[in-house]
Amino acid sequence: AQAAKEINAPYIDLHELIQRKYDEIGKAKVDYLYMPDPDVAAKTGGRPEGLHTGWNGAVVNAERVVSGIEALKGVPLASYLNSRGKAIPVAPAECVAVNAAPDSKPATPDKPAAAK
């Protein structure tokens, strides 16, 4: 968040958005979203590895990204979402930040944001 603020870049708190979704659906359903690993399952009694999501987990996480994009007011990226993307509920405002000063342009790698 700090780096995005320093260069006037939009920011989506993806960690927070995913955590909220996981809290909403509960541990049993979250476990289902992760890839089973035979070696880990043998050591943990069949539980998934807990690091890499499978397809269903990737969809849940991608939906959080889309919800954040939709919440970024004044950022035109949301206009490119298809009907499925537009049907995803918008993220809470406290999970995103536009960070651009009214008269500033986002920084680029070769041109950092002006100091304030």
C-alpha atoms as a PDB file:
ATOM      1  CA  ALA A   1       0.000   0.000   0.000  1.00  0.00           C
ATOM      2  CA  GLN A   2       2.810   2.399   0.853  1.00  0.00           C
ATOM      3  CA  ALA A   3       4.625   1.826  -2.442  1.00  0.00           C
ATOM      4  CA  ALA A   4       1.406   2.398  -4.407  1.00  0.00           C
ATOM      5  CA  LYS A   5       0.809   5.608  -2.492  1.00  0.00           C
ATOM      6  CA  GLU A   6       4.338   6.853  -3.146  1.00  0.00           C
ATOM      7  CA  ILE A   7       3.965   6.457  -6.917  1.00  0.00           C
ATOM      8  CA  ASN A   8       0.295   7.503  -7.141  1.00  0.00           C
ATOM      9  CA  ALA A   9      -0.784   4.028  -8.268  1.00  0.00           C
ATOM     10  CA  PRO A  10      -4.132   2.343  -7.636  1.00  0.00           C
ATOM     11  CA  TYR A  11      -4.020  -0.260  -4.876  1.00  0.00           C
ATOM     12  CA  ILE A  12      -6.172  -3.312  -4.122  1.00  0.00           C
ATOM     13  CA  ASP A  13      -5.655  -4.980  -0.736  1.00  0.00           C
ATOM     14  CA  LEU A  14      -5.958  -8.459  -2.180  1.00  0.00           C
ATOM     15  CA  HIS A  15      -4.850 -10.139   1.046  1.00  0.00           C
ATOM     16  CA  GLU A  16      -7.703  -8.492   2.948  1.00  0.00           C
ATOM     17  CA  LEU A  17     -10.285  -9.270   0.254  1.00  0.00           C
ATOM     18  CA  ILE A  18      -9.305 -12.943   0.073  1.00  0.00           C
ATOM     19  CA  GLN A  19      -9.201 -13.244   3.873  1.00  0.00           C
ATOM     20  CA  ARG A  20     -12.712 -11.792   4.150  1.00  0.00           C
ATOM     21  CA  LYS A  21     -14.003 -14.274   1.563  1.00  0.00           C
ATOM     22  CA  TYR A  22     -12.319 -17.186   3.308  1.00  0.00           C
ATOM     23  CA  ASP A  23     -13.794 -16.091   6.643  1.00  0.00           C
ATOM     24  CA  GLU A  24     -17.199 -15.905   4.979  1.00  0.00           C
ATOM     25  CA  ILE A  25     -17.132 -19.409   3.486  1.00  0.00           C
ATOM     26  CA  GLY A  26     -15.422 -21.163   6.401  1.00  0.00           C
ATOM     27  CA  LYS A  27     -12.448 -23.476   6.831  1.00  0.00           C
ATOM     28  CA  ALA A  28     -13.968 -26.632   5.355  1.00  0.00           C
ATOM     29  CA  LYS A  29     -14.788 -24.902   2.070  1.00  0.00           C
ATOM     30  CA  VAL A  30     -11.452 -23.071   2.031  1.00  0.00           C
ATOM     31  CA  ASP A  31      -9.603 -26.390   2.419  1.00  0.00           C
ATOM     32  CA  TYR A  32     -11.454 -27.653  -0.645  1.00  0.00           C
ATOM     33  CA  LEU A  33     -10.031 -24.775  -2.692  1.00  0.00           C
ATOM     34  CA  TYR A  34      -6.423 -25.945  -2.277  1.00  0.00           C
ATOM     35  CA  MET A  35      -4.563 -28.571  -4.263  1.00  0.00           C
ATOM     36  CA  PRO A  36      -4.204 -31.962  -2.646  1.00  0.00           C
ATOM     37  CA  ASP A  37      -0.583 -33.036  -2.384  1.00  0.00           C
ATOM     38  CA  PRO A  38      -0.126 -36.777  -1.753  1.00  0.00           C
ATOM     39  CA  ASP A  39       3.025 -36.226   0.334  1.00  0.00           C
ATOM     40  CA  VAL A  40       1.401 -33.543   2.475  1.00  0.00           C
ATOM     41  CA  ALA A  41      -1.841 -35.530   2.730  1.00  0.00           C
ATOM     42  CA  ALA A  42       0.035 -38.552   4.040  1.00  0.00           C
ATOM     43  CA  LYS A  43       1.554 -36.415   6.808  1.00  0.00           C
ATOM     44  CA  THR A  44      -1.562 -34.390   7.628  1.00  0.00           C
ATOM     45  CA  GLY A  45      -4.305 -36.974   7.466  1.00  0.00           C
ATOM     46  CA  GLY A  46      -5.560 -36.006   4.005  1.00  0.00           C
ATOM     47  CA  ARG A  47      -5.618 -32.234   4.321  1.00  0.00           C
ATOM     48  CA  PRO A  48      -4.527 -30.213   1.288  1.00  0.00           C
ATOM     49  CA  GLU A  49      -1.136 -28.563   1.111  1.00  0.00           C
ATOM     50  CA  GLY A  50      -2.464 -25.066   1.876  1.00  0.00           C
ATOM     51  CA  LEU A  51      -0.212 -23.193  -0.539  1.00  0.00           C
ATOM     52  CA  HIS A  52      -1.492 -23.569  -4.104  1.00  0.00           C
ATOM     53  CA  THR A  53      -5.135 -23.280  -5.002  1.00  0.00           C
ATOM     54  CA  GLY A  54      -6.789 -25.573  -7.497  1.00  0.00           C
ATOM     55  CA  TRP A  55      -9.106 -24.262 -10.206  1.00  0.00           C
ATOM     56  CA  ASN A  56     -11.947 -23.435  -7.807  1.00  0.00           C
ATOM     57  CA  GLY A  57      -9.612 -21.535  -5.509  1.00  0.00           C
ATOM     58  CA  ALA A  58      -8.144 -19.630  -8.444  1.00  0.00           C
ATOM     59  CA  VAL A  59     -11.648 -18.572  -9.470  1.00  0.00           C
ATOM     60  CA  VAL A  60     -12.468 -17.371  -5.942  1.00  0.00           C
ATOM     61  CA  ASN A  61      -9.231 -15.371  -5.783  1.00  0.00           C
ATOM     62  CA  ALA A  62      -9.652 -13.937  -9.290  1.00  0.00           C
ATOM     63  CA  GLU A  63     -13.126 -12.766  -8.311  1.00  0.00           C
ATOM     64  CA  ARG A  64     -11.546 -10.810  -5.443  1.00  0.00           C
ATOM     65  CA  VAL A  65      -9.241  -9.096  -7.951  1.00  0.00           C
ATOM     66  CA  VAL A  66     -12.212  -8.202 -10.134  1.00  0.00           C
ATOM     67  CA  SER A  67     -14.151  -6.885  -7.131  1.00  0.00           C
ATOM     68  CA  GLY A  68     -11.193  -4.646  -6.309  1.00  0.00           C
ATOM     69  CA  ILE A  69     -10.926  -3.381  -9.877  1.00  0.00           C
ATOM     70  CA  GLU A  70     -14.609  -2.480  -9.801  1.00  0.00           C
ATOM     71  CA  ALA A  71     -14.105  -0.556  -6.555  1.00  0.00           C
ATOM     72  CA  LEU A  72     -11.330   1.655  -7.934  1.00  0.00           C
ATOM     73  CA  LYS A  73     -13.285   4.802  -8.732  1.00  0.00           C
ATOM     74  CA  GLY A  74     -11.931   6.772 -11.663  1.00  0.00           C
ATOM     75  CA  VAL A  75      -9.776   3.900 -12.934  1.00  0.00           C
ATOM     76  CA  PRO A  76     -10.992   2.886 -16.411  1.00  0.00           C
ATOM     77  CA  LEU A  77      -9.940  -0.764 -16.184  1.00  0.00           C
ATOM     78  CA  ALA A  78     -13.397  -1.787 -14.913  1.00  0.00           C
ATOM     79  CA  SER A  79     -14.947  -0.724 -18.215  1.00  0.00           C
ATOM     80  CA  TYR A  80     -13.234  -3.725 -19.850  1.00  0.00           C
ATOM     81  CA  LEU A  81     -14.938  -6.324 -17.625  1.00  0.00           C
ATOM     82  CA  ASN A  82     -17.384  -8.676 -19.306  1.00  0.00           C
ATOM     83  CA  SER A  83     -20.865  -9.429 -17.949  1.00  0.00           C
ATOM     84  CA  ARG A  84     -19.531 -12.123 -15.613  1.00  0.00           C
ATOM     85  CA  GLY A  85     -17.005  -9.685 -14.167  1.00  0.00           C
ATOM     86  CA  LYS A  86     -19.595  -6.952 -13.766  1.00  0.00           C
ATOM     87  CA  ALA A  87     -21.840  -9.383 -11.847  1.00  0.00           C
ATOM     88  CA  ILE A  88     -19.228  -9.809  -9.077  1.00  0.00           C
ATOM     89  CA  PRO A  89     -19.993  -7.651  -6.021  1.00  0.00           C
ATOM     90  CA  VAL A  90     -17.785  -4.575  -5.671  1.00  0.00           C
ATOM     91  CA  ALA A  91     -15.124  -4.675  -2.942  1.00  0.00           C
ATOM     92  CA  PRO A  92     -15.569  -2.473   0.122  1.00  0.00           C
ATOM     93  CA  ALA A  93     -14.018   0.970  -0.320  1.00  0.00           C
ATOM     94  CA  GLU A  94     -11.624   0.431   2.590  1.00  0.00           C
ATOM     95  CA  CYS A  95      -9.901  -2.358   0.608  1.00  0.00           C
ATOM     96  CA  VAL A  96      -8.821  -0.152  -2.299  1.00  0.00           C
ATOM     97  CA  ALA A  97      -7.126   3.175  -2.883  1.00  0.00           C
ATOM     98  CA  VAL A  98      -6.731   5.227  -6.036  1.00  0.00           C
ATOM     99  CA  ASN A  99      -3.837   7.283  -4.548  1.00  0.00           C
ATOM    100  CA  ALA A 100      -3.603   9.751  -7.418  1.00  0.00           C
ATOM    101  CA  ALA A 101      -3.398  13.424  -6.619  1.00  0.00           C
ATOM    102  CA  PRO A 102      -5.965  15.361  -8.692  1.00  0.00           C
ATOM    103  CA  ASP A 103      -3.338  16.901 -10.975  1.00  0.00           C
ATOM    104  CA  SER A 104      -0.831  14.050 -11.088  1.00  0.00           C
ATOM    105  CA  LYS A 105      -0.141  11.191 -13.446  1.00  0.00           C
ATOM    106  CA  PRO A 106       0.909   7.738 -12.245  1.00  0.00           C
ATOM    107  CA  ALA A 107       4.637   7.192 -12.086  1.00  0.00           C
ATOM    108  CA  THR A 108       6.384   4.909 -14.530  1.00  0.00           C
ATOM    109  CA  PRO A 109       9.559   2.891 -13.919  1.00  0.00           C
ATOM    110  CA  ASP A 110      11.629   5.496 -15.739  1.00  0.00           C
ATOM    111  CA  LYS A 111       9.867   8.501 -14.186  1.00  0.00           C
ATOM    112  CA  PRO A 112       9.141   8.325 -10.427  1.00  0.00           C
ATOM    113  CA  ALA A 113       6.333  10.325  -8.882  1.00  0.00           C
ATOM    114  CA  ALA A 114       7.218  13.870  -7.893  1.00  0.00           C
ATOM    115  CA  ALA A 115       8.021  14.413  -4.228  1.00  0.00           C
ATOM    116  CA  LYS A 116       5.443  16.314  -2.233  1.00  0.00           C
END
